[in-house]
Amino acid sequence: MPGGARSSPPCRPLKDNATLNLYARSGLKIVMPYVSRLFIKTGIAYLVLTFVAGAVLLSLEAAGRPVPYMIEIEHGHAGFVGWLVNTVIGVAYWLLPVNRARFAETQGRYPEGRARFSFYALNVGLALRLFSEPWFSRQPSPAGSAFLYLAALLQVLGIAAFASIAWQRVFPPPLRPDI
């Protein structure tokens, strides 16, 4: 290599699923796993959405048109869960230490199905909340209540699925089992 730079050794491809090929290389760039990209790109979309919505809300306020309080709450929830939580989970799935003993079939990353479930449960629950909570606050009904319960359940299940994976990837180093 010119200038004394060394090339990285080739990585072993996974046997079954091409989307799980966590160490596929394009030149010297490492490809980010699909689920990490899914979470992070969704987080970026929510970041843009919440900034645009915030600008609209601020413009309405400046024009003397008050915005219902519930819309402000949903704006904050979309920013916190939609942008921050999605981005944090995406980065965590990508960068947490691998646990090859627990997740041998994916070279230590995570079970793909459970990771995708965490994405869909969290984000379907979030979307359901963003639409049903303002509706329920204006006109309480059994259907609105059911949607809110479902939204809460999906978000909790999504976080629980993520936590179950992350917990198994954070383990003590072999020389310091007391940590």
Foldseek 3Di string as FASTA:
>chain_A
DPPPDDADDDDDAADDDNLLRQQDDDRRDGDFRPLLCVLQVQLVVLVVVLVVVVVVQVVCVVVVNHDDPVLVVLSVLSNCLRRVVSNVLSVLLRPQAFDCVVPVNSNRRFDVVLSVLLVVLQVVLSVLCSPLVVVCVVPNDPVSVVSPVSSVVSNVSSVVSSCVGSVSRDADDPVCNPD
